[in-house]
């Protein structure tokens, strides 16, 4: 490798696989928001708030994608890859919270069961 070359020597392409996983997560948040968008007529305007939250989270993931990739790539070149535990925990907590809010909204809008 030439000096100044920013590529890594990992034959398993670890940074690329990690970047693809974060991209798939961002895409799945967009799909979840589109699913909620279809239910807006039944769930009311609160569904739009959840759609906006899912889209905002997807945008944040996409906006920070390159920084995570290059940090991991540089870590492979140095021999110490940084962990992203904070990102994983915060994304998991946000998805759990948004999922619980969506489930609560669906349950609240469901017609009552007749005896």
N, C-alpha and C. Protein backbone atom coordinates (compact mmCIF):
# COMPACT_ATOMS: atom_id res chain seq x y z
N UNK A 1 0.85 -1.19 0.00
CA UNK A 1 0.00 0.00 0.00
C UNK A 1 0.88 1.24 0.00
N UNK A 2 0.46 2.22 -0.74
CA UNK A 2 1.23 3.46 -0.83
C UNK A 2 1.03 4.29 0.42
N UNK A 3 2.03 5.14 0.78
CA UNK A 3 1.83 6.03 1.92
C UNK A 3 0.68 6.98 1.62
N UNK A 4 -0.15 7.21 2.59
CA UNK A 4 -1.30 8.08 2.41
C UNK A 4 -2.52 7.33 1.89
N UNK A 5 -2.35 6.03 1.59
CA UNK A 5 -3.48 5.24 1.13
C UNK A 5 -4.39 4.98 2.33
N UNK A 6 -5.66 5.25 2.19
CA UNK A 6 -6.57 5.14 3.32
C UNK A 6 -7.28 3.80 3.38
N UNK A 7 -6.99 2.90 2.44
CA UNK A 7 -7.64 1.60 2.47
C UNK A 7 -7.06 0.73 3.57
N UNK A 8 -7.85 -0.19 4.03
CA UNK A 8 -7.40 -1.11 5.07
C UNK A 8 -6.98 -2.42 4.42
N UNK A 9 -6.41 -3.31 5.21
CA UNK A 9 -5.93 -4.59 4.70
C UNK A 9 -6.78 -5.74 5.20
N UNK A 10 -7.98 -5.48 5.66
CA UNK A 10 -8.85 -6.52 6.18
C UNK A 10 -9.48 -7.28 5.02
N UNK A 11 -9.13 -8.57 4.84
CA UNK A 11 -9.71 -9.31 3.71
C UNK A 11 -11.20 -9.58 3.90
N UNK A 12 -11.69 -9.49 5.11
CA UNK A 12 -13.11 -9.74 5.36
C UNK A 12 -13.98 -8.52 5.16
N UNK A 13 -13.37 -7.38 4.81
CA UNK A 13 -14.08 -6.13 4.56
C UNK A 13 -14.99 -5.74 5.73
N UNK A 14 -14.47 -5.81 6.94
CA UNK A 14 -15.26 -5.51 8.13
C UNK A 14 -15.89 -4.12 8.10
N UNK A 15 -15.18 -3.05 7.76
CA UNK A 15 -15.83 -1.73 7.75
C UNK A 15 -16.97 -1.66 6.75
N UNK A 16 -16.82 -2.33 5.62
CA UNK A 16 -17.87 -2.31 4.61
C UNK A 16 -19.11 -3.06 5.09
N UNK A 17 -18.90 -4.19 5.75
CA UNK A 17 -20.05 -4.95 6.27
C UNK A 17 -20.76 -4.17 7.36
N UNK A 18 -19.99 -3.52 8.22
CA UNK A 18 -20.60 -2.71 9.28
C UNK A 18 -21.37 -1.54 8.69
N UNK A 19 -20.81 -0.89 7.69
CA UNK A 19 -21.49 0.23 7.04
C UNK A 19 -22.78 -0.24 6.38
N UNK A 20 -22.75 -1.41 5.75
CA UNK A 20 -23.96 -1.93 5.14
C UNK A 20 -25.03 -2.25 6.19
N UNK A 21 -24.61 -2.74 7.35
CA UNK A 21 -25.58 -3.03 8.42
C UNK A 21 -26.26 -1.75 8.90
N UNK A 22 -25.49 -0.68 9.07
CA UNK A 22 -26.09 0.60 9.49
C UNK A 22 -27.00 1.15 8.40
N UNK A 23 -26.63 0.96 7.14
CA UNK A 23 -27.48 1.41 6.03
C UNK A 23 -28.78 0.63 6.00
N UNK A 24 -28.71 -0.69 6.22
CA UNK A 24 -29.93 -1.49 6.26
C UNK A 24 -30.83 -1.07 7.42
N UNK A 25 -30.23 -0.72 8.55
CA UNK A 25 -31.01 -0.26 9.68
C UNK A 25 -31.73 1.05 9.35
N UNK A 26 -31.03 1.96 8.70
CA UNK A 26 -31.63 3.22 8.29
C UNK A 26 -32.77 2.98 7.31
N UNK A 27 -32.57 2.08 6.38
CA UNK A 27 -33.62 1.75 5.41
C UNK A 27 -34.82 1.11 6.09
N UNK A 28 -34.58 0.25 7.06
CA UNK A 28 -35.70 -0.40 7.76
C UNK A 28 -36.51 0.62 8.57
N UNK A 29 -35.86 1.66 9.08
CA UNK A 29 -36.60 2.72 9.76
C UNK A 29 -37.49 3.48 8.77
N UNK A 30 -37.02 3.67 7.56
CA UNK A 30 -37.85 4.31 6.53
C UNK A 30 -39.04 3.43 6.17
N UNK A 31 -38.84 2.12 6.09
CA UNK A 31 -39.93 1.20 5.79
C UNK A 31 -40.95 1.21 6.93
N UNK A 32 -40.48 1.24 8.18
CA UNK A 32 -41.40 1.31 9.32
C UNK A 32 -42.22 2.59 9.27
N UNK A 33 -41.59 3.69 8.90
CA UNK A 33 -42.34 4.95 8.81
C UNK A 33 -43.35 4.91 7.67
N UNK A 34 -43.02 4.27 6.56
CA UNK A 34 -43.98 4.15 5.46
C UNK A 34 -45.16 3.28 5.86
N UNK A 35 -44.90 2.24 6.65
CA UNK A 35 -45.99 1.39 7.14
C UNK A 35 -46.92 2.19 8.05
N UNK A 36 -46.35 2.98 8.93
CA UNK A 36 -47.18 3.83 9.79
C UNK A 36 -47.93 4.88 8.99
N UNK A 37 -47.33 5.35 7.93
CA UNK A 37 -47.98 6.35 7.09
C UNK A 37 -49.26 5.80 6.46
N UNK A 38 -49.24 4.53 6.14
CA UNK A 38 -50.45 3.90 5.58
C UNK A 38 -51.58 3.85 6.60
N UNK A 39 -51.25 3.85 7.88
CA UNK A 39 -52.24 3.75 8.95
C UNK A 39 -52.67 5.11 9.49
N UNK A 40 -52.28 6.18 8.86
CA UNK A 40 -52.58 7.51 9.38
C UNK A 40 -54.08 7.75 9.48
N UNK A 41 -54.83 7.27 8.53
CA UNK A 41 -56.28 7.48 8.56
C UNK A 41 -56.91 6.82 9.78
N UNK A 42 -56.40 5.66 10.16
CA UNK A 42 -56.95 4.93 11.31
C UNK A 42 -56.39 5.47 12.62
N UNK A 43 -55.10 5.75 12.66
CA UNK A 43 -54.42 6.12 13.90
C UNK A 43 -54.50 7.60 14.22
N UNK A 44 -54.77 8.42 13.24
CA UNK A 44 -54.89 9.85 13.48
C UNK A 44 -53.57 10.58 13.32
N UNK A 45 -53.55 11.85 13.72
CA UNK A 45 -52.36 12.69 13.50
C UNK A 45 -51.14 12.26 14.31
N UNK A 46 -51.33 11.49 15.38
CA UNK A 46 -50.17 11.06 16.15
C UNK A 46 -49.29 10.12 15.35
N UNK A 47 -49.87 9.45 14.38
CA UNK A 47 -49.07 8.58 13.52
C UNK A 47 -48.06 9.39 12.73
N UNK A 48 -48.43 10.61 12.35
CA UNK A 48 -47.49 11.47 11.62
C UNK A 48 -46.30 11.88 12.49
N UNK A 49 -46.55 12.03 13.78
CA UNK A 49 -45.45 12.35 14.71
C UNK A 49 -44.46 11.18 14.75
N UNK A 50 -44.99 9.96 14.82
CA UNK A 50 -44.11 8.79 14.83
C UNK A 50 -43.38 8.62 13.50
N UNK A 51 -44.07 8.90 12.39
CA UNK A 51 -43.44 8.83 11.08
C UNK A 51 -42.27 9.81 11.03
N UNK A 52 -42.49 11.03 11.52
CA UNK A 52 -41.41 12.02 11.55
C UNK A 52 -40.25 11.58 12.42
N UNK A 53 -40.55 10.94 13.55
CA UNK A 53 -39.49 10.48 14.44
C UNK A 53 -38.67 9.37 13.78
N UNK A 54 -39.34 8.43 13.12
CA UNK A 54 -38.62 7.36 12.43
C UNK A 54 -37.75 7.92 11.31
N UNK A 55 -38.29 8.86 10.53
CA UNK A 55 -37.52 9.46 9.44
C UNK A 55 -36.33 10.25 9.99
N UNK A 56 -36.55 10.99 11.09
CA UNK A 56 -35.45 11.76 11.69
C UNK A 56 -34.33 10.84 12.15
N UNK A 57 -34.69 9.72 12.77
CA UNK A 57 -33.68 8.77 13.21
C UNK A 57 -32.93 8.17 12.02
N UNK A 58 -33.63 7.89 10.94
CA UNK A 58 -32.98 7.36 9.73
C UNK A 58 -32.03 8.39 9.14
N UNK A 59 -32.42 9.66 9.15
CA UNK A 59 -31.55 10.72 8.63
C UNK A 59 -30.30 10.87 9.48
N UNK A 60 -30.45 10.78 10.79
CA UNK A 60 -29.28 10.87 11.68
C UNK A 60 -28.32 9.71 11.40
N UNK A 61 -28.85 8.51 11.23
CA UNK A 61 -27.99 7.37 10.92
C UNK A 61 -27.26 7.57 9.60
N UNK A 62 -27.99 8.05 8.59
CA UNK A 62 -27.36 8.26 7.28
C UNK A 62 -26.33 9.38 7.33
N UNK A 63 -26.60 10.41 8.13
CA UNK A 63 -25.68 11.55 8.20
C UNK A 63 -24.37 11.19 8.92
N UNK A 64 -24.43 10.26 9.85
CA UNK A 64 -23.23 9.90 10.61
C UNK A 64 -22.55 8.65 10.04
N UNK A 65 -23.04 8.17 8.93
CA UNK A 65 -22.55 6.94 8.32
C UNK A 65 -21.06 7.02 7.95
N UNK A 66 -20.66 8.06 7.28
CA UNK A 66 -19.27 8.17 6.81
C UNK A 66 -18.28 8.31 7.97
N UNK A 67 -18.66 9.05 8.99
CA UNK A 67 -17.77 9.21 10.14
C UNK A 67 -17.51 7.86 10.80
N UNK A 68 -18.58 7.07 10.99
CA UNK A 68 -18.39 5.74 11.59
C UNK A 68 -17.52 4.85 10.71
N UNK A 69 -17.75 4.89 9.41
CA UNK A 69 -16.97 4.06 8.50
C UNK A 69 -15.49 4.41 8.57
N UNK A 70 -15.15 5.70 8.45
CA UNK A 70 -13.74 6.10 8.43
C UNK A 70 -13.07 5.89 9.77
N UNK A 71 -13.81 6.03 10.87
CA UNK A 71 -13.22 5.77 12.19
C UNK A 71 -12.87 4.29 12.31
N UNK A 72 -13.77 3.44 11.84
CA UNK A 72 -13.51 2.01 11.91
C UNK A 72 -12.38 1.62 10.96
N UNK A 73 -12.35 2.21 9.79
CA UNK A 73 -11.30 1.95 8.82
C UNK A 73 -9.93 2.35 9.38
N UNK A 74 -9.84 3.54 9.98
CA UNK A 74 -8.59 4.00 10.58
C UNK A 74 -8.18 3.12 11.75
N UNK A 75 -9.17 2.64 12.50
CA UNK A 75 -8.87 1.73 13.61
C UNK A 75 -8.26 0.43 13.14
N UNK A 76 -8.72 -0.07 12.01
CA UNK A 76 -8.14 -1.29 11.46
C UNK A 76 -6.69 -1.06 11.04
N UNK A 77 -6.42 0.11 10.48
CA UNK A 77 -5.04 0.42 10.08
C UNK A 77 -4.12 0.54 11.29
N UNK A 78 -4.65 1.10 12.40
CA UNK A 78 -3.85 1.23 13.63
C UNK A 78 -3.74 -0.07 14.39
N UNK A 79 -4.68 -0.97 14.18
CA UNK A 79 -4.68 -2.24 14.91
C UNK A 79 -5.60 -2.23 16.11
N UNK A 80 -6.30 -1.13 16.35
CA UNK A 80 -7.26 -1.06 17.46
C UNK A 80 -8.55 -0.47 16.91
N UNK A 81 -9.55 -1.29 16.80
CA UNK A 81 -10.83 -0.79 16.29
C UNK A 81 -11.68 -0.30 17.45
N UNK A 82 -12.23 0.90 17.32
CA UNK A 82 -13.06 1.45 18.39
C UNK A 82 -14.43 0.78 18.40
N UNK A 83 -14.97 0.61 19.59
CA UNK A 83 -16.32 0.07 19.69
C UNK A 83 -17.32 1.22 19.59
N UNK A 84 -18.49 0.90 19.14
CA UNK A 84 -19.54 1.90 19.02
C UNK A 84 -20.70 1.50 19.92
N UNK A 85 -20.39 1.18 21.17
CA UNK A 85 -21.42 0.73 22.10
C UNK A 85 -22.47 1.81 22.34
N UNK A 86 -22.05 3.06 22.43
CA UNK A 86 -23.00 4.14 22.66
C UNK A 86 -23.99 4.28 21.52
N UNK A 87 -23.51 4.15 20.29
CA UNK A 87 -24.40 4.24 19.14
C UNK A 87 -25.38 3.09 19.08
N UNK A 88 -24.90 1.90 19.38
CA UNK A 88 -25.77 0.72 19.34
C UNK A 88 -26.82 0.80 20.44
N UNK A 89 -26.41 1.18 21.64
CA UNK A 89 -27.36 1.27 22.76
C UNK A 89 -28.38 2.38 22.52
N UNK A 90 -27.93 3.54 22.05
CA UNK A 90 -28.88 4.63 21.82
C UNK A 90 -29.83 4.31 20.67
N UNK A 91 -29.35 3.67 19.61
CA UNK A 91 -30.25 3.29 18.52
C UNK A 91 -31.25 2.23 18.99
N UNK A 92 -30.79 1.27 19.77
CA UNK A 92 -31.70 0.25 20.30
C UNK A 92 -32.76 0.86 21.19
N UNK A 93 -32.35 1.79 22.05
CA UNK A 93 -33.32 2.44 22.94
C UNK A 93 -34.32 3.27 22.15
N UNK A 94 -33.85 3.98 21.14
CA UNK A 94 -34.75 4.80 20.32
C UNK A 94 -35.74 3.92 19.56
N UNK A 95 -35.27 2.83 18.98
CA UNK A 95 -36.16 1.93 18.25
C UNK A 95 -37.17 1.27 19.20
N UNK A 96 -36.72 0.89 20.38
CA UNK A 96 -37.63 0.29 21.36
C UNK A 96 -38.69 1.30 21.78
N UNK A 97 -38.29 2.52 22.06
CA UNK A 97 -39.24 3.55 22.46
C UNK A 97 -40.24 3.84 21.34
N UNK A 98 -39.75 4.02 20.12
CA UNK A 98 -40.65 4.29 19.00
C UNK A 98 -41.57 3.11 18.72
N UNK A 99 -41.07 1.90 18.87
CA UNK A 99 -41.91 0.72 18.69
C UNK A 99 -42.99 0.62 19.74
N UNK A 100 -42.65 0.91 20.99
CA UNK A 100 -43.65 0.90 22.06
C UNK A 100 -44.69 1.99 21.86
N UNK A 101 -44.25 3.17 21.43
CA UNK A 101 -45.21 4.24 21.15
C UNK A 101 -46.14 3.86 20.00
N UNK A 102 -45.60 3.25 18.96
CA UNK A 102 -46.44 2.82 17.83
C UNK A 102 -47.42 1.74 18.28
N UNK A 103 -46.97 0.78 19.07
CA UNK A 103 -47.86 -0.27 19.56
C UNK A 103 -48.95 0.33 20.45
N UNK A 104 -48.59 1.27 21.30
CA UNK A 104 -49.58 1.92 22.15
C UNK A 104 -50.59 2.70 21.33
N UNK A 105 -50.14 3.35 20.30
CA UNK A 105 -51.05 4.10 19.43
C UNK A 105 -52.01 3.17 18.70
N UNK A 106 -51.51 2.03 18.26
CA UNK A 106 -52.36 1.05 17.58
C UNK A 106 -53.38 0.47 18.56
N UNK A 107 -52.93 0.13 19.77
CA UNK A 107 -53.85 -0.43 20.76
C UNK A 107 -54.90 0.59 21.19
N UNK A 108 -54.51 1.85 21.28
CA UNK A 108 -55.45 2.90 21.69
C UNK A 108 -56.50 3.12 20.61
N UNK A 109 -56.13 2.95 19.37
CA UNK A 109 -57.05 3.21 18.25
C UNK A 109 -57.88 1.98 17.88
N UNK A 110 -57.57 0.84 18.45
CA UNK A 110 -58.32 -0.38 18.11
C UNK A 110 -59.72 -0.29 18.70
N UNK A 111 -60.70 -0.84 17.98
CA UNK A 111 -62.06 -0.83 18.53
C UNK A 111 -62.15 -1.74 19.74
N UNK A 112 -63.00 -1.40 20.69
CA UNK A 112 -63.11 -2.25 21.90
C UNK A 112 -63.70 -3.62 21.55
N UNK A 113 -63.27 -4.59 22.32
CA UNK A 113 -63.76 -5.95 22.12
C UNK A 113 -65.17 -6.05 22.68
N UNK A 114 -66.04 -6.67 21.94
CA UNK A 114 -67.41 -6.84 22.45
C UNK A 114 -67.50 -8.16 23.19
N UNK A 115 -68.33 -8.21 24.27
CA UNK A 115 -68.40 -9.44 25.07
C UNK A 115 -69.12 -10.57 24.38
